[in-house]
Amino acid sequence: METVKKIKAAFPQTYILLGGFTASFFHEEIMRNFDGVDGIIRGEAEVPILELANCAPAGEDNLFSVPTSRGEGRVEF
């Protein structure tokens, strides 16, 4: 999470998405306690990552406009 903090400090507009076993298992704690994380893909990532990747060509200004399960501009699939 130190890396996330450093990236956000240097590039605050960067969208930080986590995945993998640890992020999937601790998704609630991560989203609640680490504001630098903008999204977590839990489990298989093939479909959600395609949805995110398709936002830019579709004219979305940024990934923060992707519909989320939380409605807070932070993605948790």
N, C-alpha and C. Protein backbone atom coordinates (compact mmCIF):
# COMPACT_ATOMS: atom_id res chain seq x y z
N MET A 1 0.82 -1.19 0.00
CA MET A 1 0.00 0.00 0.00
C MET A 1 0.87 1.26 0.00
N GLU A 2 2.11 1.11 0.39
CA GLU A 2 3.02 2.26 0.32
C GLU A 2 3.21 2.69 -1.13
N THR A 3 3.26 1.74 -2.03
CA THR A 3 3.40 2.06 -3.45
C THR A 3 2.18 2.84 -3.95
N VAL A 4 1.00 2.43 -3.52
CA VAL A 4 -0.23 3.13 -3.89
C VAL A 4 -0.16 4.58 -3.42
N LYS A 5 0.26 4.80 -2.19
CA LYS A 5 0.37 6.15 -1.64
C LYS A 5 1.35 7.00 -2.46
N LYS A 6 2.48 6.41 -2.81
CA LYS A 6 3.48 7.15 -3.59
C LYS A 6 2.97 7.50 -4.98
N ILE A 7 2.30 6.56 -5.62
CA ILE A 7 1.76 6.83 -6.95
C ILE A 7 0.72 7.93 -6.89
N LYS A 8 -0.20 7.86 -5.93
CA LYS A 8 -1.25 8.88 -5.81
C LYS A 8 -0.68 10.24 -5.46
N ALA A 9 0.39 10.27 -4.66
CA ALA A 9 1.02 11.54 -4.31
C ALA A 9 1.65 12.19 -5.54
N ALA A 10 2.29 11.40 -6.37
CA ALA A 10 2.96 11.92 -7.55
C ALA A 10 2.01 12.16 -8.71
N PHE A 11 1.00 11.30 -8.85
CA PHE A 11 0.06 11.36 -9.97
C PHE A 11 -1.36 11.17 -9.45
N PRO A 12 -1.95 12.20 -8.86
CA PRO A 12 -3.26 12.04 -8.20
C PRO A 12 -4.40 11.63 -9.13
N GLN A 13 -4.27 11.86 -10.43
CA GLN A 13 -5.34 11.49 -11.36
C GLN A 13 -5.23 10.04 -11.83
N THR A 14 -4.19 9.34 -11.40
CA THR A 14 -4.00 7.95 -11.80
C THR A 14 -5.04 7.06 -11.15
N TYR A 15 -5.66 6.20 -11.96
CA TYR A 15 -6.67 5.26 -11.48
C TYR A 15 -5.95 3.99 -11.04
N ILE A 16 -6.07 3.65 -9.77
CA ILE A 16 -5.37 2.49 -9.23
C ILE A 16 -6.37 1.37 -8.99
N LEU A 17 -6.14 0.27 -9.68
CA LEU A 17 -7.01 -0.91 -9.63
C LEU A 17 -6.18 -2.07 -9.10
N LEU A 18 -6.71 -2.75 -8.11
CA LEU A 18 -6.03 -3.92 -7.54
C LEU A 18 -6.78 -5.19 -7.90
N GLY A 19 -6.06 -6.28 -7.90
CA GLY A 19 -6.65 -7.59 -8.14
C GLY A 19 -5.77 -8.65 -7.51
N GLY A 20 -6.17 -9.87 -7.68
CA GLY A 20 -5.40 -10.97 -7.12
C GLY A 20 -6.01 -11.50 -5.83
N PHE A 21 -5.38 -12.52 -5.29
CA PHE A 21 -5.92 -13.21 -4.12
C PHE A 21 -6.08 -12.29 -2.91
N THR A 22 -5.03 -11.56 -2.57
CA THR A 22 -5.08 -10.71 -1.37
C THR A 22 -6.14 -9.63 -1.50
N ALA A 23 -6.17 -8.95 -2.64
CA ALA A 23 -7.17 -7.89 -2.84
C ALA A 23 -8.58 -8.48 -2.85
N SER A 24 -8.76 -9.65 -3.44
CA SER A 24 -10.08 -10.28 -3.46
C SER A 24 -10.53 -10.66 -2.06
N PHE A 25 -9.65 -11.22 -1.28
CA PHE A 25 -10.00 -11.69 0.06
C PHE A 25 -10.24 -10.52 1.02
N PHE A 26 -9.42 -9.47 0.93
CA PHE A 26 -9.51 -8.33 1.85
C PHE A 26 -10.15 -7.10 1.21
N HIS A 27 -11.01 -7.29 0.21
CA HIS A 27 -11.57 -6.17 -0.55
C HIS A 27 -12.29 -5.15 0.32
N GLU A 28 -13.07 -5.58 1.29
CA GLU A 28 -13.79 -4.63 2.13
C GLU A 28 -12.84 -3.77 2.96
N GLU A 29 -11.85 -4.40 3.56
CA GLU A 29 -10.88 -3.67 4.37
C GLU A 29 -10.07 -2.68 3.52
N ILE A 30 -9.68 -3.12 2.34
CA ILE A 30 -8.88 -2.26 1.47
C ILE A 30 -9.69 -1.04 1.05
N MET A 31 -10.92 -1.26 0.58
CA MET A 31 -11.73 -0.14 0.11
C MET A 31 -12.11 0.80 1.25
N ARG A 32 -12.27 0.27 2.44
CA ARG A 32 -12.63 1.09 3.60
C ARG A 32 -11.44 1.89 4.13
N ASN A 33 -10.25 1.33 4.07
CA ASN A 33 -9.10 1.92 4.75
C ASN A 33 -8.06 2.59 3.87
N PHE A 34 -8.13 2.41 2.57
CA PHE A 34 -7.10 2.94 1.68
C PHE A 34 -7.74 3.75 0.55
N ASP A 35 -7.83 5.06 0.76
CA ASP A 35 -8.46 5.94 -0.22
C ASP A 35 -7.73 5.98 -1.54
N GLY A 36 -6.48 5.63 -1.57
CA GLY A 36 -5.71 5.66 -2.80
C GLY A 36 -6.11 4.58 -3.79
N VAL A 37 -6.78 3.56 -3.31
CA VAL A 37 -7.24 2.47 -4.19
C VAL A 37 -8.60 2.88 -4.76
N ASP A 38 -8.68 2.91 -6.08
CA ASP A 38 -9.92 3.33 -6.73
C ASP A 38 -10.81 2.16 -7.10
N GLY A 39 -10.25 0.97 -7.19
CA GLY A 39 -11.07 -0.18 -7.55
C GLY A 39 -10.39 -1.49 -7.24
N ILE A 40 -11.23 -2.52 -7.10
CA ILE A 40 -10.74 -3.87 -6.87
C ILE A 40 -11.54 -4.79 -7.76
N ILE A 41 -10.85 -5.65 -8.47
CA ILE A 41 -11.52 -6.70 -9.21
C ILE A 41 -11.34 -7.98 -8.41
N ARG A 42 -12.47 -8.54 -7.99
CA ARG A 42 -12.45 -9.76 -7.20
C ARG A 42 -12.67 -10.96 -8.11
N GLY A 43 -11.91 -12.02 -7.86
CA GLY A 43 -12.07 -13.24 -8.64
C GLY A 43 -11.55 -13.06 -10.05
N GLU A 44 -12.22 -13.73 -10.99
CA GLU A 44 -11.80 -13.68 -12.39
C GLU A 44 -11.95 -12.27 -12.94
N ALA A 45 -10.95 -11.80 -13.66
CA ALA A 45 -10.92 -10.40 -14.10
C ALA A 45 -11.23 -10.20 -15.57
N GLU A 46 -11.45 -11.28 -16.32
CA GLU A 46 -11.59 -11.14 -17.77
C GLU A 46 -12.71 -10.18 -18.17
N VAL A 47 -13.90 -10.33 -17.64
CA VAL A 47 -15.03 -9.48 -18.02
C VAL A 47 -14.89 -8.06 -17.45
N PRO A 48 -14.64 -7.90 -16.16
CA PRO A 48 -14.53 -6.53 -15.64
C PRO A 48 -13.39 -5.71 -16.26
N ILE A 49 -12.27 -6.34 -16.54
CA ILE A 49 -11.16 -5.58 -17.11
C ILE A 49 -11.49 -5.14 -18.53
N LEU A 50 -12.26 -5.94 -19.25
CA LEU A 50 -12.70 -5.54 -20.59
C LEU A 50 -13.67 -4.36 -20.51
N GLU A 51 -14.57 -4.38 -19.54
CA GLU A 51 -15.50 -3.27 -19.36
C GLU A 51 -14.74 -1.97 -19.09
N LEU A 52 -13.75 -2.05 -18.25
CA LEU A 52 -12.94 -0.87 -17.95
C LEU A 52 -12.15 -0.43 -19.17
N ALA A 53 -11.56 -1.38 -19.88
CA ALA A 53 -10.76 -1.04 -21.06
C ALA A 53 -11.60 -0.43 -22.17
N ASN A 54 -12.85 -0.80 -22.26
CA ASN A 54 -13.73 -0.28 -23.30
C ASN A 54 -14.26 1.12 -23.00
N CYS A 55 -14.05 1.62 -21.83
CA CYS A 55 -14.54 2.95 -21.46
C CYS A 55 -13.85 4.06 -22.25
N ALA A 56 -12.55 3.99 -22.42
CA ALA A 56 -11.82 5.05 -23.12
C ALA A 56 -12.26 5.17 -24.58
N PRO A 57 -12.30 4.07 -25.35
CA PRO A 57 -12.75 4.21 -26.73
C PRO A 57 -14.22 4.62 -26.84
N ALA A 58 -15.01 4.36 -25.81
CA ALA A 58 -16.43 4.70 -25.85
C ALA A 58 -16.66 6.17 -25.53
N GLY A 59 -15.58 6.92 -25.28
CA GLY A 59 -15.71 8.34 -25.02
C GLY A 59 -15.82 8.70 -23.56
N GLU A 60 -15.62 7.76 -22.68
CA GLU A 60 -15.63 8.08 -21.25
C GLU A 60 -14.42 8.95 -20.94
N ASP A 61 -14.61 9.97 -20.13
CA ASP A 61 -13.51 10.85 -19.78
C ASP A 61 -12.46 10.15 -18.94
N ASN A 62 -12.91 9.30 -18.05
CA ASN A 62 -11.96 8.60 -17.20
C ASN A 62 -12.63 7.37 -16.59
N LEU A 63 -11.85 6.55 -15.95
CA LEU A 63 -12.38 5.32 -15.36
C LEU A 63 -13.27 5.58 -14.17
N PHE A 64 -13.20 6.78 -13.58
CA PHE A 64 -14.03 7.07 -12.43
C PHE A 64 -15.50 7.15 -12.82
N SER A 65 -15.80 7.24 -14.11
CA SER A 65 -17.19 7.32 -14.55
C SER A 65 -17.81 5.94 -14.80
N VAL A 66 -17.04 4.88 -14.63
CA VAL A 66 -17.56 3.53 -14.82
C VAL A 66 -18.56 3.23 -13.70
N PRO A 67 -19.74 2.68 -14.05
CA PRO A 67 -20.70 2.32 -13.00
C PRO A 67 -20.06 1.37 -12.00
N THR A 68 -20.37 1.57 -10.74
CA THR A 68 -19.78 0.75 -9.68
C THR A 68 -20.86 0.10 -8.84
N SER A 69 -20.47 -0.90 -8.10
CA SER A 69 -21.41 -1.55 -7.20
C SER A 69 -21.67 -0.67 -5.97
N ARG A 70 -20.81 0.34 -5.76
CA ARG A 70 -20.95 1.20 -4.59
C ARG A 70 -21.48 2.58 -4.94
N GLY A 71 -21.40 2.95 -6.20
CA GLY A 71 -21.90 4.25 -6.61
C GLY A 71 -21.09 5.43 -6.11
N GLU A 72 -19.87 5.19 -5.69
CA GLU A 72 -19.04 6.24 -5.12
C GLU A 72 -17.86 6.60 -6.00
N GLY A 73 -17.86 6.14 -7.24
CA GLY A 73 -16.72 6.39 -8.10
C GLY A 73 -15.54 5.49 -7.81
N ARG A 74 -15.76 4.49 -6.99
CA ARG A 74 -14.75 3.50 -6.69
C ARG A 74 -15.30 2.15 -7.10
N VAL A 75 -14.58 1.41 -7.89
CA VAL A 75 -15.10 0.19 -8.48
C VAL A 75 -14.80 -1.02 -7.60
N GLU A 76 -15.80 -1.86 -7.43
CA GLU A 76 -15.60 -3.14 -6.75
C GLU A 76 -16.46 -4.16 -7.48
N PHE A 77 -15.85 -4.96 -8.34
CA PHE A 77 -16.60 -5.96 -9.10
C PHE A 77 -16.68 -7.24 -8.32
